């Protein structure tokens, strides 16, 4: 496959199981998913369906029991831990339900941190951080520490941090699930706006169907299987007519 034309990420026949005593719990059962460049996908499904596990595997934080992950055409199963860490650093950004900001650093410094780890010069890292924070409505909060920020503001900082190294793919696990409905809608709108503006691909797990409907397409995880709701809708229409 030409890597230039490859999807941002491909999951091929991915299984993930866990041992519980003498039993084996099958969480993912043959997952296939392609995310094209610039495509934003909503991952929905009931609690306990394995959405977080799927995101962990897509983010190279867990290895599948069976199956393969390709990032821009690069096969990942044989990579050592160092190479997987480098891929995460250079290609992937993560946003979780809880922001996990460093409490002793201000907003700008929190966003600078992954850039400094990647070898970016402090001046450039600061400029990038302030640009991202401004895009997310935090131009007056550069020097505020997490304890001085509201929940929505903290999550905006976490989103800026995830985008700091210009990833190709953003993985978000209920990124607004810990916020009140009004703040959730505002933060999510800002997240979608900056993702679209920067041309990222994104896989965003959410329980909120209103938010999911704003994305390019939805996939549903249920009983270990992944259903493309766009394909399902197309089949339903064909049967109807």
Protein backbone atom coordinates (compact mmCIF):
# COMPACT_ATOMS: atom_id res chain seq x y z
CA UNK A 1 0.00 0.00 0.00
CA UNK A 2 1.17 3.55 -0.82
CA UNK A 3 1.63 5.17 2.59
CA UNK A 4 0.65 8.56 1.17
CA UNK A 5 -2.80 7.19 0.33
CA UNK A 6 -3.15 5.07 3.46
CA UNK A 7 -5.80 5.90 6.06
CA UNK A 8 -4.56 7.69 9.16
CA UNK A 9 -5.21 4.49 11.12
CA UNK A 10 -6.50 1.01 10.30
CA UNK A 11 -7.59 -1.65 12.73
CA UNK A 12 -7.77 -5.05 11.07
CA UNK A 13 -9.52 -8.01 12.69
CA UNK A 14 -8.61 -6.79 16.19
CA UNK A 15 -9.45 -9.00 19.18
CA UNK A 16 -8.84 -8.24 22.84
CA UNK A 17 -9.52 -10.66 25.65
CA UNK A 18 -8.75 -10.69 29.37
CA UNK A 19 -8.32 -13.56 31.79
CA UNK A 20 -10.64 -13.57 34.81
CA UNK A 21 -9.73 -16.56 36.92
CA UNK A 22 -10.45 -19.61 34.80
CA UNK A 23 -12.56 -17.64 32.35
CA UNK A 24 -11.66 -15.56 29.32
CA UNK A 25 -13.55 -12.31 28.80
CA UNK A 26 -13.79 -11.40 25.11
CA UNK A 27 -14.05 -7.59 24.92
CA UNK A 28 -13.28 -6.94 21.24
CA UNK A 29 -14.25 -9.53 18.64
CA UNK A 30 -12.77 -8.88 15.22
CA UNK A 31 -12.83 -5.08 15.00
CA UNK A 32 -12.24 -3.53 11.59
CA UNK A 33 -12.02 0.25 11.30
CA UNK A 34 -10.41 2.70 8.90
CA UNK A 35 -10.18 6.41 9.67
CA UNK A 36 -9.33 8.54 6.68
CA UNK A 37 -7.30 11.75 6.79
CA UNK A 38 -9.43 14.56 8.16
CA UNK A 39 -12.30 12.26 9.16
CA UNK A 40 -13.97 12.68 12.55
CA UNK A 41 -15.70 9.54 13.84
CA UNK A 42 -17.97 9.17 16.85
CA UNK A 43 -17.55 5.95 18.82
CA UNK A 44 -20.74 5.14 20.70
CA UNK A 45 -21.97 2.17 22.70
CA UNK A 46 -23.21 1.23 26.17
CA UNK A 47 -21.02 1.48 29.27
CA UNK A 48 -18.74 -1.51 29.53
CA UNK A 49 -18.85 -2.24 25.81
CA UNK A 50 -15.09 -1.76 25.44
CA UNK A 51 -14.85 1.75 23.99
CA UNK A 52 -11.93 2.69 26.24
CA UNK A 53 -10.16 -0.58 25.41
CA UNK A 54 -10.56 0.13 21.70
CA UNK A 55 -9.12 3.63 22.15
CA UNK A 56 -6.20 2.26 24.18
CA UNK A 57 -5.40 -0.21 21.41
CA UNK A 58 -5.75 2.42 18.67
CA UNK A 59 -3.41 4.60 20.71
CA UNK A 60 -0.78 1.85 21.02
CA UNK A 61 -1.15 1.83 24.80
CA UNK A 62 -2.37 -1.78 24.76
CA UNK A 63 -1.59 -4.59 22.36
CA UNK A 64 -4.45 -6.57 20.84
CA UNK A 65 -4.74 -10.27 21.59
CA UNK A 66 -4.96 -10.77 17.85
CA UNK A 67 -5.13 -8.50 14.82
CA UNK A 68 -3.14 -5.59 13.46
CA UNK A 69 -2.97 -1.81 13.72
CA UNK A 70 -1.56 0.31 10.90
CA UNK A 71 -0.75 4.00 11.34
CA UNK A 72 -0.42 5.72 7.96
CA UNK A 73 0.35 2.32 6.47
CA UNK A 74 2.97 1.36 9.06
CA UNK A 75 2.41 -2.01 10.70
CA UNK A 76 2.66 -1.65 14.46
CA UNK A 77 2.59 -5.19 15.89
CA UNK A 78 6.33 -5.78 15.62
CA UNK A 79 7.43 -2.40 16.97
CA UNK A 80 9.36 -2.35 20.23
CA UNK A 81 8.31 -0.15 23.14
CA UNK A 82 10.60 2.71 22.10
CA UNK A 83 9.17 2.81 18.58
CA UNK A 84 5.60 2.67 19.89
CA UNK A 85 6.36 5.57 22.23
CA UNK A 86 7.78 7.59 19.34
CA UNK A 87 4.70 6.91 17.23
CA UNK A 88 2.44 8.03 20.06
CA UNK A 89 4.51 11.18 20.49
CA UNK A 90 4.61 12.10 16.81
CA UNK A 91 1.25 10.86 15.48
CA UNK A 92 -1.28 10.64 18.31
CA UNK A 93 -3.00 13.00 20.71
CA UNK A 94 -5.10 11.88 23.70
CA UNK A 95 -7.94 13.57 25.56
CA UNK A 96 -9.57 11.83 28.50
CA UNK A 97 -12.69 12.52 30.55
CA UNK A 98 -10.49 13.76 33.40
CA UNK A 99 -7.96 16.36 32.36
CA UNK A 100 -4.93 15.05 34.35
CA UNK A 101 -3.16 18.42 34.23
CA UNK A 102 0.05 18.98 36.18
CA UNK A 103 -1.11 21.00 39.22
CA UNK A 104 2.14 22.93 39.80
CA UNK A 105 2.29 24.31 36.25
CA UNK A 106 0.13 26.98 34.65
CA UNK A 107 -2.00 26.46 31.54
CA UNK A 108 0.72 27.49 29.10
CA UNK A 109 3.33 25.31 30.79
CA UNK A 110 1.01 22.29 30.76
CA UNK A 111 0.61 22.65 26.99
CA UNK A 112 4.33 23.27 26.51
CA UNK A 113 5.32 20.09 28.33
CA UNK A 114 4.78 17.52 25.51
CA UNK A 115 6.50 19.86 23.07
CA UNK A 116 9.56 20.22 25.27
CA UNK A 117 9.70 16.43 25.65
CA UNK A 118 9.65 16.20 21.84
CA UNK A 119 12.63 18.55 21.62
CA UNK A 120 10.85 21.75 20.61
CA UNK A 121 12.62 24.96 21.68
CA UNK A 122 10.91 26.68 24.64
CA UNK A 123 10.16 29.91 22.74
CA UNK A 124 8.44 28.04 19.91
CA UNK A 125 6.63 25.76 22.38
CA UNK A 126 5.30 28.76 24.29
CA UNK A 127 4.07 30.47 21.12
CA UNK A 128 2.31 27.29 19.97
CA UNK A 129 0.77 26.78 23.40
CA UNK A 130 -0.58 30.31 23.60
CA UNK A 131 -1.98 30.05 20.07
CA UNK A 132 -3.83 26.84 20.93
CA UNK A 133 -5.13 28.19 24.22
CA UNK A 134 -6.34 31.33 22.46
CA UNK A 135 -8.15 29.23 19.85
CA UNK A 136 -9.94 27.52 22.74
CA UNK A 137 -10.97 30.77 24.39
CA UNK A 138 -8.30 30.87 27.09
CA UNK A 139 -6.26 33.92 26.07
CA UNK A 140 -6.77 35.39 29.56
CA UNK A 141 -5.82 32.18 31.37
CA UNK A 142 -2.24 31.58 30.20
CA UNK A 143 -0.74 31.93 33.68
CA UNK A 144 -3.52 30.28 35.67
CA UNK A 145 -2.81 26.95 37.35
CA UNK A 146 -5.40 24.13 37.11
CA UNK A 147 -6.84 24.89 40.57
CA UNK A 148 -7.61 28.43 39.37
CA UNK A 149 -9.56 27.20 36.33
CA UNK A 150 -13.11 25.93 35.99
CA UNK A 151 -13.77 22.35 34.88
CA UNK A 152 -14.47 23.46 31.32
CA UNK A 153 -11.32 25.57 31.22
CA UNK A 154 -9.22 22.69 32.53
CA UNK A 155 -10.58 20.43 29.80
CA UNK A 156 -9.77 23.07 27.19
CA UNK A 157 -6.17 23.06 28.44
CA UNK A 158 -6.14 19.25 28.16
CA UNK A 159 -7.39 19.51 24.56
CA UNK A 160 -4.69 22.08 23.74
CA UNK A 161 -2.08 19.78 25.29
CA UNK A 162 -3.30 16.87 23.13
CA UNK A 163 -2.92 19.00 20.00
CA UNK A 164 0.41 20.55 20.96
CA UNK A 165 2.62 18.23 18.90
CA UNK A 166 0.37 18.47 15.82
CA UNK A 167 -0.75 14.82 15.85
CA UNK A 168 -2.27 13.12 12.84
CA UNK A 169 -4.95 11.41 14.95
CA UNK A 170 -6.81 12.62 18.03
CA UNK A 171 -8.22 9.96 20.36
CA UNK A 172 -10.74 11.26 22.87
CA UNK A 173 -12.50 9.23 25.58
CA UNK A 174 -15.66 11.03 26.73
CA UNK A 175 -13.81 14.38 26.52
CA UNK A 176 -16.79 16.37 27.83
CA UNK A 177 -18.41 13.64 29.93
CA UNK A 178 -17.41 15.28 33.21
CA UNK A 179 -18.92 18.68 32.34
CA UNK A 180 -22.39 20.15 32.68
CA UNK A 181 -24.49 20.08 29.46
CA UNK A 182 -24.00 23.75 28.51
CA UNK A 183 -20.23 23.70 29.10
CA UNK A 184 -20.01 20.32 27.37
CA UNK A 185 -21.63 21.70 24.21
CA UNK A 186 -19.34 24.74 24.17
CA UNK A 187 -16.13 22.78 24.74
CA UNK A 188 -17.11 20.13 22.19
CA UNK A 189 -17.91 22.78 19.58
CA UNK A 190 -14.48 24.33 20.12
CA UNK A 191 -12.85 20.91 19.90
CA UNK A 192 -14.56 20.09 16.60
CA UNK A 193 -13.71 23.50 15.19
CA UNK A 194 -9.99 23.24 15.87
CA UNK A 195 -9.84 19.59 14.72
CA UNK A 196 -11.46 20.55 11.40
CA UNK A 197 -9.28 23.63 11.01
CA UNK A 198 -6.07 21.65 11.51
CA UNK A 199 -7.19 18.74 9.30
CA UNK A 200 -6.79 16.08 11.96
CA UNK A 201 -8.45 12.70 12.01
CA UNK A 202 -10.30 11.93 15.22
CA UNK A 203 -11.97 9.04 17.02
CA UNK A 204 -14.15 10.38 19.83
CA UNK A 205 -15.99 8.14 22.28
CA UNK A 206 -19.16 9.70 23.64
CA UNK A 207 -22.50 8.78 25.21
CA UNK A 208 -24.01 12.01 23.92
CA UNK A 209 -25.88 11.30 20.68
CA UNK A 210 -26.37 15.01 19.96
CA UNK A 211 -22.60 15.46 19.97
CA UNK A 212 -22.09 12.26 17.96
CA UNK A 213 -24.44 13.53 15.27
CA UNK A 214 -22.13 16.50 14.66
CA UNK A 215 -19.30 14.23 13.49
CA UNK A 216 -18.67 12.81 10.02
CA UNK A 217 -19.97 9.37 10.89
CA UNK A 218 -20.81 7.12 13.83
CA UNK A 219 -19.67 3.61 14.69
CA UNK A 220 -21.26 1.61 17.50
CA UNK A 221 -19.51 -0.92 19.70
CA UNK A 222 -21.81 -3.57 21.11
CA UNK A 223 -21.09 -7.11 22.26
CA UNK A 224 -17.51 -6.81 21.04
CA UNK A 225 -18.50 -5.98 17.46
CA UNK A 226 -18.27 -2.66 15.63
CA UNK A 227 -21.19 -1.52 13.49
CA UNK A 228 -20.78 1.31 10.99
CA UNK A 229 -24.08 3.15 11.41
CA UNK A 230 -23.70 4.86 8.05
CA UNK A 231 -23.48 1.47 6.32
CA UNK A 232 -26.35 0.18 8.44
CA UNK A 233 -28.52 3.14 7.41
CA UNK A 234 -27.69 2.56 3.75
CA UNK A 235 -28.73 -1.10 4.00
CA UNK A 236 -31.96 -0.14 5.77
CA UNK A 237 -32.83 2.30 2.98
CA UNK A 238 -32.16 -0.32 0.32
CA UNK A 239 -34.46 -2.76 2.12
CA UNK A 240 -37.12 -0.06 2.46
CA UNK A 241 -37.14 0.69 -1.22
